[in-house]
Amino acid sequence: MPLILCFTVLASVGFGVLAAYAMVFAILSTFGRPARPEPVPARPRLVLVPTQNHASGD
């Protein structure tokens, strides 16, 4: 009798731990970040363009 009771308790605790892990992974996969984030559109490159007006300091 004690052996059956011990086995039942261990099996129940083990099943509960496995169920908790499965639930956590399910919640993380549902509400977590997407596997492939959407690409961010590239900003145009800023280029310094020389102008016709030169600063003379006068």
N, C-alpha and C. Protein backbone atom coordinates (compact mmCIF):
# COMPACT_ATOMS: atom_id res chain seq x y z
N MET A 1 0.82 -1.20 0.00
CA MET A 1 0.00 0.00 0.00
C MET A 1 0.87 1.27 0.00
N PRO A 2 1.89 1.38 0.87
CA PRO A 2 2.70 2.60 0.83
C PRO A 2 3.42 2.79 -0.50
N LEU A 3 3.80 1.68 -1.14
CA LEU A 3 4.48 1.77 -2.43
C LEU A 3 3.54 2.33 -3.49
N ILE A 4 2.32 1.90 -3.50
CA ILE A 4 1.33 2.40 -4.48
C ILE A 4 1.06 3.88 -4.22
N LEU A 5 0.91 4.27 -2.96
CA LEU A 5 0.66 5.66 -2.62
C LEU A 5 1.84 6.54 -3.03
N CYS A 6 3.06 6.08 -2.77
CA CYS A 6 4.26 6.85 -3.14
C CYS A 6 4.34 7.00 -4.66
N PHE A 7 4.08 5.92 -5.39
CA PHE A 7 4.13 5.98 -6.85
C PHE A 7 3.06 6.93 -7.39
N THR A 8 1.87 6.90 -6.81
CA THR A 8 0.79 7.77 -7.25
C THR A 8 1.14 9.24 -7.03
N VAL A 9 1.70 9.55 -5.87
CA VAL A 9 2.08 10.94 -5.57
C VAL A 9 3.18 11.40 -6.53
N LEU A 10 4.20 10.57 -6.74
CA LEU A 10 5.28 10.95 -7.65
C LEU A 10 4.77 11.13 -9.08
N ALA A 11 3.89 10.26 -9.52
CA ALA A 11 3.33 10.37 -10.86
C ALA A 11 2.50 11.64 -11.00
N SER A 12 1.73 11.97 -9.99
CA SER A 12 0.89 13.17 -10.04
C SER A 12 1.74 14.44 -10.06
N VAL A 13 2.76 14.47 -9.22
CA VAL A 13 3.65 15.64 -9.19
C VAL A 13 4.40 15.77 -10.52
N GLY A 14 4.89 14.67 -11.04
CA GLY A 14 5.59 14.71 -12.33
C GLY A 14 4.69 15.18 -13.46
N PHE A 15 3.47 14.67 -13.47
CA PHE A 15 2.51 15.11 -14.50
C PHE A 15 2.20 16.60 -14.36
N GLY A 16 2.08 17.08 -13.14
CA GLY A 16 1.81 18.51 -12.93
C GLY A 16 2.96 19.38 -13.40
N VAL A 17 4.18 18.95 -13.12
CA VAL A 17 5.35 19.73 -13.57
C VAL A 17 5.41 19.75 -15.10
N LEU A 18 5.22 18.60 -15.73
CA LEU A 18 5.24 18.56 -17.19
C LEU A 18 4.11 19.39 -17.80
N ALA A 19 2.94 19.36 -17.19
CA ALA A 19 1.83 20.17 -17.70
C ALA A 19 2.12 21.65 -17.56
N ALA A 20 2.76 22.04 -16.45
CA ALA A 20 3.10 23.45 -16.26
C ALA A 20 4.12 23.90 -17.30
N TYR A 21 5.15 23.07 -17.56
CA TYR A 21 6.13 23.41 -18.61
C TYR A 21 5.45 23.54 -19.97
N ALA A 22 4.57 22.62 -20.29
CA ALA A 22 3.88 22.67 -21.58
C ALA A 22 3.04 23.93 -21.70
N MET A 23 2.39 24.32 -20.61
CA MET A 23 1.55 25.52 -20.64
C MET A 23 2.39 26.78 -20.82
N VAL A 24 3.52 26.84 -20.15
CA VAL A 24 4.40 28.01 -20.28
C VAL A 24 4.91 28.13 -21.71
N PHE A 25 5.35 27.01 -22.29
CA PHE A 25 5.82 27.05 -23.67
C PHE A 25 4.71 27.42 -24.64
N ALA A 26 3.50 26.95 -24.39
CA ALA A 26 2.38 27.30 -25.25
C ALA A 26 2.07 28.79 -25.17
N ILE A 27 2.09 29.35 -23.97
CA ILE A 27 1.82 30.78 -23.81
C ILE A 27 2.92 31.60 -24.48
N LEU A 28 4.18 31.20 -24.30
CA LEU A 28 5.28 31.93 -24.93
C LEU A 28 5.23 31.86 -26.44
N SER A 29 4.87 30.72 -26.99
CA SER A 29 4.80 30.61 -28.45
C SER A 29 3.61 31.38 -29.00
N THR A 30 2.55 31.52 -28.21
CA THR A 30 1.38 32.26 -28.68
C THR A 30 1.59 33.76 -28.61
N PHE A 31 2.10 34.25 -27.50
CA PHE A 31 2.20 35.69 -27.29
C PHE A 31 3.62 36.21 -27.40
N GLY A 32 4.57 35.36 -27.70
CA GLY A 32 5.96 35.81 -27.80
C GLY A 32 6.23 36.55 -29.09
N ARG A 33 7.48 36.86 -29.31
CA ARG A 33 7.88 37.55 -30.54
C ARG A 33 7.70 36.62 -31.73
N PRO A 34 7.41 37.19 -32.89
CA PRO A 34 7.32 36.34 -34.07
C PRO A 34 8.69 35.78 -34.43
N ALA A 35 8.69 34.63 -35.08
CA ALA A 35 9.95 33.98 -35.42
C ALA A 35 10.77 34.83 -36.39
N ARG A 36 10.12 35.44 -37.36
CA ARG A 36 10.81 36.30 -38.32
C ARG A 36 10.21 37.70 -38.20
N PRO A 37 10.94 38.63 -37.62
CA PRO A 37 10.40 39.99 -37.52
C PRO A 37 10.28 40.61 -38.91
N GLU A 38 9.28 41.45 -39.07
CA GLU A 38 9.08 42.11 -40.35
C GLU A 38 10.25 43.05 -40.63
N PRO A 39 10.73 43.07 -41.87
CA PRO A 39 11.88 43.93 -42.16
C PRO A 39 11.51 45.40 -42.03
N VAL A 40 12.42 46.15 -41.47
CA VAL A 40 12.22 47.58 -41.30
C VAL A 40 12.61 48.26 -42.60
N PRO A 41 11.75 49.15 -43.13
CA PRO A 41 12.12 49.81 -44.38
C PRO A 41 13.39 50.63 -44.19
N ALA A 42 14.27 50.53 -45.17
CA ALA A 42 15.56 51.21 -45.08
C ALA A 42 15.38 52.71 -45.24
N ARG A 43 16.07 53.46 -44.39
CA ARG A 43 16.03 54.91 -44.51
C ARG A 43 16.91 55.33 -45.67
N PRO A 44 16.56 56.41 -46.33
CA PRO A 44 17.44 56.89 -47.40
C PRO A 44 18.77 57.37 -46.81
N ARG A 45 19.83 57.11 -47.52
CA ARG A 45 21.15 57.52 -47.04
C ARG A 45 21.28 59.03 -47.11
N LEU A 46 21.85 59.57 -46.08
CA LEU A 46 22.10 61.01 -46.06
C LEU A 46 23.45 61.26 -46.71
N VAL A 47 23.45 62.12 -47.70
CA VAL A 47 24.67 62.41 -48.44
C VAL A 47 24.91 63.91 -48.39
N LEU A 48 26.14 64.30 -48.07
CA LEU A 48 26.49 65.70 -48.09
C LEU A 48 26.78 66.11 -49.52
N VAL A 49 26.03 67.11 -50.01
CA VAL A 49 26.19 67.56 -51.38
C VAL A 49 26.80 68.96 -51.35
N PRO A 50 27.91 69.15 -52.04
CA PRO A 50 28.49 70.50 -52.07
C PRO A 50 27.58 71.46 -52.83
N THR A 51 27.49 72.66 -52.33
CA THR A 51 26.63 73.67 -52.96
C THR A 51 27.51 74.66 -53.73
N GLN A 52 26.87 75.52 -54.49
CA GLN A 52 27.58 76.56 -55.27
C GLN A 52 27.98 77.73 -54.40
N ASN A 53 27.36 77.90 -53.25
CA ASN A 53 27.66 79.05 -52.39
C ASN A 53 28.77 78.69 -51.44
N HIS A 54 29.89 79.37 -51.57
CA HIS A 54 31.01 79.12 -50.69
C HIS A 54 31.02 80.16 -49.57
N ALA A 55 31.26 79.75 -48.36
CA ALA A 55 31.34 80.69 -47.24
C ALA A 55 32.71 81.38 -47.31
N SER A 56 32.68 82.69 -47.47
CA SER A 56 33.95 83.39 -47.61
C SER A 56 34.42 84.01 -46.31
N GLY A 57 33.57 84.14 -45.35
CA GLY A 57 33.96 84.73 -44.08
C GLY A 57 34.01 86.25 -44.09
N ASP A 58 33.55 86.90 -45.18
CA ASP A 58 33.56 88.37 -45.24
C ASP A 58 32.41 88.94 -44.46
